[in-house]
């Protein structure tokens, strides 16, 4: 009569082999017959536990308005979440206001360095427009 049970040492080795495997990995391993016949009953029992554990695992999701600091869901709830939920706050799309702020902040060093040139250029441009308007006014006024 053969003993179909694992001894403590064999069981410890099996636990070490499978503890970091996902349920999908365990199913694939069972299909490929990588476990010996004594290990299969233990793996099949553990697989059901692993599936339930992964299904109920806590997952933190973030939403720009509803949960900017994160909200914990069970893994099976995540696929049902509506648009806007992400698994990292780094994945938020930038809003138009944020893009404008970034543009202004990146322009500030240039404006600080060249503000006098910009003001002079605007004054010259406005003066040229006024001079052209006055010249046109004088030209058309003298004809009538």
Protein backbone atom coordinates (compact mmCIF):
# COMPACT_ATOMS: atom_id res chain seq x y z
CA UNK A 1 0.00 0.00 0.00
CA UNK A 2 1.42 3.37 -1.06
CA UNK A 3 1.09 6.46 1.07
CA UNK A 4 -0.62 9.23 -0.94
CA UNK A 5 -0.07 11.88 1.70
CA UNK A 6 2.85 14.28 1.83
CA UNK A 7 5.04 14.32 4.90
CA UNK A 8 5.68 17.64 6.67
CA UNK A 9 8.92 18.34 4.79
CA UNK A 10 7.34 17.64 1.37
CA UNK A 11 4.34 19.79 2.28
CA UNK A 12 6.59 22.68 3.34
CA UNK A 13 8.47 22.44 0.03
CA UNK A 14 5.19 22.43 -1.89
CA UNK A 15 3.94 25.49 0.00
CA UNK A 16 7.15 27.35 -0.80
CA UNK A 17 6.79 26.43 -4.48
CA UNK A 18 3.19 27.61 -4.86
CA UNK A 19 2.67 30.41 -2.34
CA UNK A 20 3.58 33.17 -4.82
CA UNK A 21 1.76 31.64 -7.78
CA UNK A 22 -1.50 33.19 -8.93
CA UNK A 23 -4.65 31.12 -9.39
CA UNK A 24 -4.13 31.26 -13.16
CA UNK A 25 -0.56 30.01 -12.80
CA UNK A 26 -1.75 27.14 -10.60
CA UNK A 27 -4.43 26.16 -13.12
CA UNK A 28 -1.88 26.20 -15.94
CA UNK A 29 0.53 24.12 -13.88
CA UNK A 30 -2.20 21.56 -13.18
CA UNK A 31 -3.05 21.35 -16.89
CA UNK A 32 0.63 20.78 -17.76
CA UNK A 33 0.96 18.10 -15.05
CA UNK A 34 4.01 19.64 -13.38
CA UNK A 35 2.92 18.35 -9.96
CA UNK A 36 3.32 14.73 -8.97
CA UNK A 37 0.25 12.65 -8.10
CA UNK A 38 0.76 13.09 -4.36
CA UNK A 39 0.77 16.91 -4.72
CA UNK A 40 -2.30 17.27 -6.97
CA UNK A 41 -4.98 16.92 -4.22
CA UNK A 42 -3.23 19.59 -2.14
CA UNK A 43 -2.93 21.92 -5.14
CA UNK A 44 -6.60 21.45 -6.10
CA UNK A 45 -7.68 22.29 -2.55
CA UNK A 46 -5.35 25.29 -2.39
CA UNK A 47 -6.50 26.50 -5.82
CA UNK A 48 -10.07 27.13 -4.60
CA UNK A 49 -8.69 29.07 -1.65
CA UNK A 50 -6.38 31.07 -3.95
CA UNK A 51 -9.22 31.95 -6.36
CA UNK A 52 -11.36 33.23 -3.48
CA UNK A 53 -8.39 35.10 -1.99
CA UNK A 54 -7.63 36.87 -5.30
CA UNK A 55 -11.31 37.66 -5.85
CA UNK A 56 -11.57 39.36 -2.45
CA UNK A 57 -8.13 40.96 -2.43
CA UNK A 58 -8.18 44.66 -1.54
CA UNK A 59 -7.39 46.99 -4.44
CA UNK A 60 -6.89 50.74 -4.00
CA UNK A 61 -8.37 52.81 -6.82
CA UNK A 62 -8.27 56.59 -7.31
CA UNK A 63 -10.72 59.07 -8.83
CA UNK A 64 -9.97 62.73 -9.45
CA UNK A 65 -13.14 64.00 -7.72
CA UNK A 66 -14.66 61.08 -5.83
CA UNK A 67 -11.54 59.63 -4.17
CA UNK A 68 -8.31 61.56 -4.84
CA UNK A 69 -6.66 59.90 -1.80
CA UNK A 70 -7.82 56.44 -2.88
CA UNK A 71 -10.65 54.10 -2.02
CA UNK A 72 -10.30 50.39 -1.29
CA UNK A 73 -12.40 47.95 -3.33
CA UNK A 74 -12.47 44.18 -3.56
CA UNK A 75 -10.78 42.92 -6.72
CA UNK A 76 -14.05 41.62 -8.21
CA UNK A 77 -15.60 45.12 -7.90
CA UNK A 78 -12.91 46.87 -9.95
CA UNK A 79 -14.12 45.85 -13.46
CA UNK A 80 -17.56 47.35 -12.70
CA UNK A 81 -16.14 50.80 -11.85
CA UNK A 82 -17.10 53.59 -14.20
CA UNK A 83 -14.73 55.72 -16.27
CA UNK A 84 -12.29 57.91 -14.35
CA UNK A 85 -11.06 55.34 -11.81
CA UNK A 86 -7.35 54.51 -12.04
CA UNK A 87 -4.99 52.33 -10.02
CA UNK A 88 -2.47 55.13 -9.47
CA UNK A 89 -2.91 58.89 -9.04
CA UNK A 90 -0.08 59.32 -11.55
CA UNK A 91 -2.45 58.09 -14.25
CA UNK A 92 -4.88 61.01 -13.92
CA UNK A 93 -5.17 62.91 -17.17
CA UNK A 94 -4.18 66.55 -16.82
CA UNK A 95 -7.10 68.96 -16.93
CA UNK A 96 -6.96 72.08 -19.13
CA UNK A 97 -6.46 74.24 -16.00
CA UNK A 98 -3.42 72.18 -14.98
CA UNK A 99 -1.99 72.46 -18.51
CA UNK A 100 -2.41 76.26 -18.47
CA UNK A 101 -0.74 76.48 -15.03
CA UNK A 102 2.19 74.40 -16.26
CA UNK A 103 2.51 76.62 -19.34
CA UNK A 104 2.48 79.80 -17.24
CA UNK A 105 4.98 78.39 -14.75
CA UNK A 106 7.31 77.32 -17.54
CA UNK A 107 7.01 80.78 -19.15
CA UNK A 108 7.79 82.75 -15.98
CA UNK A 109 11.59 82.50 -16.19
CA UNK A 110 11.49 83.77 -19.80
CA UNK A 111 9.14 86.63 -18.87
CA UNK A 112 11.26 87.62 -15.86
CA UNK A 113 14.37 87.73 -18.00
CA UNK A 114 12.91 89.54 -21.04
CA UNK A 115 10.04 91.61 -19.64
CA UNK A 116 11.64 94.96 -20.51
CA UNK A 117 12.18 93.92 -24.14
CA UNK A 118 8.56 92.68 -24.36
CA UNK A 119 7.16 95.92 -22.90
CA UNK A 120 9.30 98.06 -25.26
CA UNK A 121 8.18 96.00 -28.24
CA UNK A 122 4.51 96.40 -27.28
CA UNK A 123 4.92 100.17 -26.81
CA UNK A 124 6.60 100.49 -30.23
CA UNK A 125 3.87 98.36 -31.84
CA UNK A 126 1.07 100.43 -30.27
CA UNK A 127 2.84 103.66 -31.26
CA UNK A 128 3.17 102.41 -34.85
CA UNK A 129 -0.54 101.55 -35.00
CA UNK A 130 -1.49 104.98 -33.60
CA UNK A 131 0.87 106.72 -36.05
CA UNK A 132 -0.62 104.77 -38.96
CA UNK A 133 -4.16 105.62 -37.80
CA UNK A 134 -3.26 109.34 -37.48
CA UNK A 135 -1.61 109.35 -40.92
CA UNK A 136 -4.66 107.74 -42.48
CA UNK A 137 -6.97 110.17 -40.70
CA UNK A 138 -4.92 113.17 -41.94
CA UNK A 139 -4.74 111.74 -45.45
CA UNK A 140 -8.48 111.15 -45.78
CA UNK A 141 -9.39 114.34 -43.89
CA UNK A 142 -7.36 116.51 -46.26
CA UNK A 143 -9.17 115.10 -49.33
CA UNK A 144 -12.58 116.27 -48.14
